[in-house]
């Protein structure tokens, strides 16, 4: 456990992924809830998703 300054406005108990770069820089990436956990089928599909899916299908037909 580490202590962060109040000015960073981090809630007590907030969990993070910790990464260290080659230069020694340490990054804290907040863990978030899996917002896909309770998704119903089709809930996150829109016209752009269909366009992307058709592009992928058509792309691989030629290669």
PDB file of N, CA and C in Angstrom:
ATOM      1  N   UNK A   1       0.843  -1.159   0.000  1.00  0.00           N
ATOM      2  CA  UNK A   1       0.000   0.000   0.000  1.00  0.00           C
ATOM      3  C   UNK A   1       0.898   1.235   0.000  1.00  0.00           C
ATOM      4  N   UNK A   2       0.463   2.256  -0.749  1.00  0.00           N
ATOM      5  CA  UNK A   2       1.197   3.516  -0.775  1.00  0.00           C
ATOM      6  C   UNK A   2       0.251   4.658  -0.439  1.00  0.00           C
ATOM      7  N   UNK A   3       0.808   5.770  -0.021  1.00  0.00           N
ATOM      8  CA  UNK A   3       0.021   6.962   0.279  1.00  0.00           C
ATOM      9  C   UNK A   3       0.220   7.966  -0.842  1.00  0.00           C
ATOM     10  N   UNK A   4      -0.885   8.508  -1.346  1.00  0.00           N
ATOM     11  CA  UNK A   4      -0.827   9.534  -2.383  1.00  0.00           C
ATOM     12  C   UNK A   4      -1.321  10.854  -1.810  1.00  0.00           C
ATOM     13  N   UNK A   5      -0.747  11.945  -2.282  1.00  0.00           N
ATOM     14  CA  UNK A   5      -1.142  13.272  -1.809  1.00  0.00           C
ATOM     15  C   UNK A   5      -2.620  13.530  -2.099  1.00  0.00           C
ATOM     16  N   UNK A   6      -3.283  14.233  -1.194  1.00  0.00           N
ATOM     17  CA  UNK A   6      -4.705  14.539  -1.311  1.00  0.00           C
ATOM     18  C   UNK A   6      -5.019  15.304  -2.600  1.00  0.00           C
ATOM     19  N   UNK A   7      -4.053  16.103  -3.094  1.00  0.00           N
ATOM     20  CA  UNK A   7      -4.265  16.914  -4.295  1.00  0.00           C
ATOM     21  C   UNK A   7      -4.569  16.070  -5.537  1.00  0.00           C
ATOM     22  N   UNK A   8      -4.255  14.768  -5.498  1.00  0.00           N
ATOM     23  CA  UNK A   8      -4.530  13.901  -6.635  1.00  0.00           C
ATOM     24  C   UNK A   8      -5.967  13.372  -6.635  1.00  0.00           C
ATOM     25  N   UNK A   9      -6.715  13.633  -5.554  1.00  0.00           N
ATOM     26  CA  UNK A   9      -8.139  13.297  -5.467  1.00  0.00           C
ATOM     27  C   UNK A   9      -8.409  11.817  -5.776  1.00  0.00           C
ATOM     28  N   UNK A  10      -7.641  10.938  -5.152  1.00  0.00           N
ATOM     29  CA  UNK A  10      -7.800   9.496  -5.316  1.00  0.00           C
ATOM     30  C   UNK A  10      -8.583   8.967  -4.119  1.00  0.00           C
ATOM     31  N   UNK A  11      -9.649   8.226  -4.393  1.00  0.00           N
ATOM     32  CA  UNK A  11     -10.479   7.672  -3.324  1.00  0.00           C
ATOM     33  C   UNK A  11      -9.720   6.613  -2.539  1.00  0.00           C
ATOM     34  N   UNK A  12      -9.982   6.563  -1.241  1.00  0.00           N
ATOM     35  CA  UNK A  12      -9.372   5.533  -0.405  1.00  0.00           C
ATOM     36  C   UNK A  12      -9.831   4.165  -0.887  1.00  0.00           C
ATOM     37  N   UNK A  13      -8.904   3.247  -1.003  1.00  0.00           N
ATOM     38  CA  UNK A  13      -9.233   1.896  -1.449  1.00  0.00           C
ATOM     39  C   UNK A  13      -9.179   1.712  -2.957  1.00  0.00           C
ATOM     40  N   UNK A  14      -8.979   2.808  -3.708  1.00  0.00           N
ATOM     41  CA  UNK A  14      -8.873   2.695  -5.169  1.00  0.00           C
ATOM     42  C   UNK A  14      -7.720   1.753  -5.511  1.00  0.00           C
ATOM     43  N   UNK A  15      -7.952   0.838  -6.433  1.00  0.00           N
ATOM     44  CA  UNK A  15      -6.921  -0.111  -6.838  1.00  0.00           C
ATOM     45  C   UNK A  15      -6.341   0.285  -8.188  1.00  0.00           C
ATOM     46  N   UNK A  16      -5.059  -0.034  -8.368  1.00  0.00           N
ATOM     47  CA  UNK A  16      -4.348   0.342  -9.582  1.00  0.00           C
ATOM     48  C   UNK A  16      -3.525  -0.814 -10.122  1.00  0.00           C
ATOM     49  N   UNK A  17      -3.299  -0.789 -11.431  1.00  0.00           N
ATOM     50  CA  UNK A  17      -2.261  -1.604 -12.049  1.00  0.00           C
ATOM     51  C   UNK A  17      -1.004  -0.748 -11.990  1.00  0.00           C
ATOM     52  N   UNK A  18       0.127  -1.344 -11.680  1.00  0.00           N
ATOM     53  CA  UNK A  18       1.375  -0.597 -11.563  1.00  0.00           C
ATOM     54  C   UNK A  18       2.319  -1.048 -12.672  1.00  0.00           C
ATOM     55  N   UNK A  19       2.866  -0.055 -13.385  1.00  0.00           N
ATOM     56  CA  UNK A  19       3.817  -0.346 -14.454  1.00  0.00           C
ATOM     57  C   UNK A  19       5.064   0.495 -14.245  1.00  0.00           C
ATOM     58  N   UNK A  20       6.211  -0.080 -14.542  1.00  0.00           N
ATOM     59  CA  UNK A  20       7.455   0.675 -14.461  1.00  0.00           C
ATOM     60  C   UNK A  20       8.137   0.643 -15.823  1.00  0.00           C
ATOM     61  N   UNK A  21       8.458   1.826 -16.330  1.00  0.00           N
ATOM     62  CA  UNK A  21       9.124   1.962 -17.623  1.00  0.00           C
ATOM     63  C   UNK A  21      10.621   1.701 -17.482  1.00  0.00           C
ATOM     64  N   UNK A  22      11.300   1.566 -18.606  1.00  0.00           N
ATOM     65  CA  UNK A  22      12.746   1.334 -18.600  1.00  0.00           C
ATOM     66  C   UNK A  22      13.501   2.469 -17.928  1.00  0.00           C
ATOM     67  N   UNK A  23      12.958   3.704 -18.038  1.00  0.00           N
ATOM     68  CA  UNK A  23      13.638   4.858 -17.441  1.00  0.00           C
ATOM     69  C   UNK A  23      13.335   5.023 -15.952  1.00  0.00           C
ATOM     70  N   UNK A  24      12.570   4.087 -15.372  1.00  0.00           N
ATOM     71  CA  UNK A  24      12.259   4.133 -13.950  1.00  0.00           C
ATOM     72  C   UNK A  24      10.934   4.786 -13.607  1.00  0.00           C
ATOM     73  N   UNK A  25      10.284   5.416 -14.588  1.00  0.00           N
ATOM     74  CA  UNK A  25       8.991   6.052 -14.352  1.00  0.00           C
ATOM     75  C   UNK A  25       7.971   5.006 -13.927  1.00  0.00           C
ATOM     76  N   UNK A  26       7.236   5.296 -12.860  1.00  0.00           N
ATOM     77  CA  UNK A  26       6.194   4.396 -12.368  1.00  0.00           C
ATOM     78  C   UNK A  26       4.839   4.999 -12.709  1.00  0.00           C
ATOM     79  N   UNK A  27       3.979   4.209 -13.349  1.00  0.00           N
ATOM     80  CA  UNK A  27       2.635   4.648 -13.712  1.00  0.00           C
ATOM     81  C   UNK A  27       1.612   3.853 -12.926  1.00  0.00           C
ATOM     82  N   UNK A  28       0.580   4.530 -12.445  1.00  0.00           N
ATOM     83  CA  UNK A  28      -0.540   3.890 -11.764  1.00  0.00           C
ATOM     84  C   UNK A  28      -1.755   4.009 -12.671  1.00  0.00           C
ATOM     85  N   UNK A  29      -2.281   2.887 -13.139  1.00  0.00           N
ATOM     86  CA  UNK A  29      -3.440   2.872 -14.021  1.00  0.00           C
ATOM     87  C   UNK A  29      -4.623   2.342 -13.217  1.00  0.00           C
ATOM     88  N   UNK A  30      -5.678   3.161 -13.047  1.00  0.00           N
ATOM     89  CA  UNK A  30      -6.811   2.736 -12.219  1.00  0.00           C
ATOM     90  C   UNK A  30      -7.481   1.472 -12.762  1.00  0.00           C
ATOM     91  N   UNK A  31      -7.808   0.564 -11.855  1.00  0.00           N
ATOM     92  CA  UNK A  31      -8.597  -0.606 -12.219  1.00  0.00           C
ATOM     93  C   UNK A  31     -10.051  -0.151 -12.289  1.00  0.00           C
ATOM     94  N   UNK A  32     -10.779  -0.632 -13.291  1.00  0.00           N
ATOM     95  CA  UNK A  32     -12.187  -0.279 -13.444  1.00  0.00           C
ATOM     96  C   UNK A  32     -13.020  -1.553 -13.470  1.00  0.00           C
ATOM     97  N   UNK A  33     -14.306  -1.401 -13.170  1.00  0.00           N
ATOM     98  CA  UNK A  33     -15.215  -2.541 -13.232  1.00  0.00           C
ATOM     99  C   UNK A  33     -15.367  -2.987 -14.676  1.00  0.00           C
ATOM    100  N   UNK A  34     -15.628  -4.250 -14.872  1.00  0.00           N
ATOM    101  CA  UNK A  34     -15.878  -4.782 -16.209  1.00  0.00           C
ATOM    102  C   UNK A  34     -17.287  -4.376 -16.621  1.00  0.00           C
ATOM    103  N   UNK A  35     -17.394  -3.323 -17.435  1.00  0.00           N
ATOM    104  CA  UNK A  35     -18.721  -2.836 -17.808  1.00  0.00           C
ATOM    105  C   UNK A  35     -19.381  -3.712 -18.861  1.00  0.00           C
ATOM    106  N   UNK A  36     -18.735  -4.771 -19.288  1.00  0.00           N
ATOM    107  CA  UNK A  36     -19.359  -5.737 -20.184  1.00  0.00           C
ATOM    108  C   UNK A  36     -19.898  -6.953 -19.418  1.00  0.00           C
ATOM    109  N   UNK A  37     -19.705  -7.004 -18.119  1.00  0.00           N
ATOM    110  CA  UNK A  37     -20.063  -8.182 -17.322  1.00  0.00           C
ATOM    111  C   UNK A  37     -21.548  -8.533 -17.413  1.00  0.00           C
ATOM    112  N   UNK A  38     -22.435  -7.542 -17.376  1.00  0.00           N
ATOM    113  CA  UNK A  38     -23.878  -7.804 -17.372  1.00  0.00           C
ATOM    114  C   UNK A  38     -24.562  -7.334 -18.654  1.00  0.00           C
ATOM    115  N   UNK A  39     -23.832  -7.322 -19.756  1.00  0.00           N
ATOM    116  CA  UNK A  39     -24.371  -6.829 -21.020  1.00  0.00           C
ATOM    117  C   UNK A  39     -25.328  -7.847 -21.626  1.00  0.00           C
ATOM    118  N   UNK A  40     -26.411  -7.319 -22.181  1.00  0.00           N
ATOM    119  CA  UNK A  40     -27.353  -8.166 -22.903  1.00  0.00           C
ATOM    120  C   UNK A  40     -26.921  -8.233 -24.368  1.00  0.00           C
ATOM    121  N   UNK A  41     -27.239  -9.311 -25.048  1.00  0.00           N
ATOM    122  CA  UNK A  41     -26.837  -9.496 -26.440  1.00  0.00           C
ATOM    123  C   UNK A  41     -27.318  -8.315 -27.288  1.00  0.00           C
ATOM    124  N   UNK A  42     -26.406  -7.742 -28.065  1.00  0.00           N
ATOM    125  CA  UNK A  42     -26.731  -6.643 -28.963  1.00  0.00           C
ATOM    126  C   UNK A  42     -26.725  -5.264 -28.336  1.00  0.00           C
ATOM    127  N   UNK A  43     -26.464  -5.172 -27.058  1.00  0.00           N
ATOM    128  CA  UNK A  43     -26.548  -3.896 -26.351  1.00  0.00           C
ATOM    129  C   UNK A  43     -25.484  -2.890 -26.792  1.00  0.00           C
ATOM    130  N   UNK A  44     -24.326  -3.346 -27.198  1.00  0.00           N
ATOM    131  CA  UNK A  44     -23.241  -2.445 -27.578  1.00  0.00           C
ATOM    132  C   UNK A  44     -22.987  -2.445 -29.087  1.00  0.00           C
ATOM    133  N   UNK A  45     -23.977  -2.826 -29.884  1.00  0.00           N
ATOM    134  CA  UNK A  45     -23.809  -2.850 -31.333  1.00  0.00           C
ATOM    135  C   UNK A  45     -24.483  -1.621 -31.927  1.00  0.00           C
ATOM    136  N   UNK A  46     -23.799  -0.967 -32.851  1.00  0.00           N
ATOM    137  CA  UNK A  46     -24.387   0.158 -33.573  1.00  0.00           C
ATOM    138  C   UNK A  46     -23.964   0.067 -35.038  1.00  0.00           C
ATOM    139  N   UNK A  47     -24.369   1.048 -35.845  1.00  0.00           N
ATOM    140  CA  UNK A  47     -24.080   1.000 -37.280  1.00  0.00           C
ATOM    141  C   UNK A  47     -22.587   0.944 -37.576  1.00  0.00           C
ATOM    142  N   UNK A  48     -21.776   1.637 -36.787  1.00  0.00           N
ATOM    143  CA  UNK A  48     -20.334   1.615 -37.023  1.00  0.00           C
ATOM    144  C   UNK A  48     -19.756   0.227 -36.781  1.00  0.00           C
ATOM    145  N   UNK A  49     -20.296  -0.511 -35.820  1.00  0.00           N
ATOM    146  CA  UNK A  49     -19.827  -1.878 -35.583  1.00  0.00           C
ATOM    147  C   UNK A  49     -20.096  -2.747 -36.806  1.00  0.00           C
ATOM    148  N   UNK A  50     -21.287  -2.609 -37.370  1.00  0.00           N
ATOM    149  CA  UNK A  50     -21.624  -3.406 -38.555  1.00  0.00           C
ATOM    150  C   UNK A  50     -20.707  -3.045 -39.722  1.00  0.00           C
ATOM    151  N   UNK A  51     -20.416  -1.762 -39.887  1.00  0.00           N
ATOM    152  CA  UNK A  51     -19.515  -1.319 -40.949  1.00  0.00           C
ATOM    153  C   UNK A  51     -18.136  -1.954 -40.774  1.00  0.00           C
ATOM    154  N   UNK A  52     -17.626  -1.969 -39.562  1.00  0.00           N
ATOM    155  CA  UNK A  52     -16.315  -2.561 -39.289  1.00  0.00           C
ATOM    156  C   UNK A  52     -16.334  -4.067 -39.543  1.00  0.00           C
ATOM    157  N   UNK A  53     -17.404  -4.735 -39.135  1.00  0.00           N
ATOM    158  CA  UNK A  53     -17.488  -6.178 -39.346  1.00  0.00           C
ATOM    159  C   UNK A  53     -17.517  -6.508 -40.833  1.00  0.00           C
ATOM    160  N   UNK A  54     -18.276  -5.736 -41.608  1.00  0.00           N
ATOM    161  CA  UNK A  54     -18.338  -5.974 -43.050  1.00  0.00           C
ATOM    162  C   UNK A  54     -16.984  -5.707 -43.697  1.00  0.00           C
ATOM    163  N   UNK A  55     -16.267  -4.692 -43.228  1.00  0.00           N
ATOM    164  CA  UNK A  55     -14.942  -4.392 -43.763  1.00  0.00           C
ATOM    165  C   UNK A  55     -14.002  -5.572 -43.546  1.00  0.00           C
ATOM    166  N   UNK A  56     -14.009  -6.121 -42.351  1.00  0.00           N
ATOM    167  CA  UNK A  56     -13.124  -7.247 -42.032  1.00  0.00           C
ATOM    168  C   UNK A  56     -13.463  -8.455 -42.898  1.00  0.00           C
ATOM    169  N   UNK A  57     -14.742  -8.749 -43.040  1.00  0.00           N
ATOM    170  CA  UNK A  57     -15.166  -9.891 -43.861  1.00  0.00           C
ATOM    171  C   UNK A  57     -14.731  -9.688 -45.306  1.00  0.00           C
ATOM    172  N   UNK A  58     -14.990  -8.498 -45.857  1.00  0.00           N
ATOM    173  CA  UNK A  58     -14.626  -8.227 -47.249  1.00  0.00           C
ATOM    174  C   UNK A  58     -13.114  -8.181 -47.438  1.00  0.00           C
ATOM    175  N   UNK A  59     -12.384  -7.680 -46.458  1.00  0.00           N
ATOM    176  CA  UNK A  59     -10.926  -7.610 -46.545  1.00  0.00           C
ATOM    177  C   UNK A  59     -10.328  -9.006 -46.702  1.00  0.00           C
ATOM    178  N   UNK A  60     -10.783  -9.936 -45.888  1.00  0.00           N
ATOM    179  CA  UNK A  60     -10.198 -11.276 -45.918  1.00  0.00           C
ATOM    180  C   UNK A  60     -10.657 -12.093 -47.122  1.00  0.00           C
ATOM    181  N   UNK A  61     -11.685 -11.674 -47.809  1.00  0.00           N
ATOM    182  CA  UNK A  61     -12.079 -12.364 -49.039  1.00  0.00           C
ATOM    183  C   UNK A  61     -11.027 -12.193 -50.128  1.00  0.00           C
ATOM    184  N   UNK A  62     -10.320 -11.064 -50.089  1.00  0.00           N
ATOM    185  CA  UNK A  62      -9.339 -10.764 -51.128  1.00  0.00           C
ATOM    186  C   UNK A  62      -7.940 -11.255 -50.776  1.00  0.00           C
ATOM    187  N   UNK A  63      -7.706 -11.688 -49.553  1.00  0.00           N
ATOM    188  CA  UNK A  63      -6.357 -12.093 -49.144  1.00  0.00           C
ATOM    189  C   UNK A  63      -6.303 -13.491 -48.644  1.00  0.00           C
TER     190      UNK A  63
END
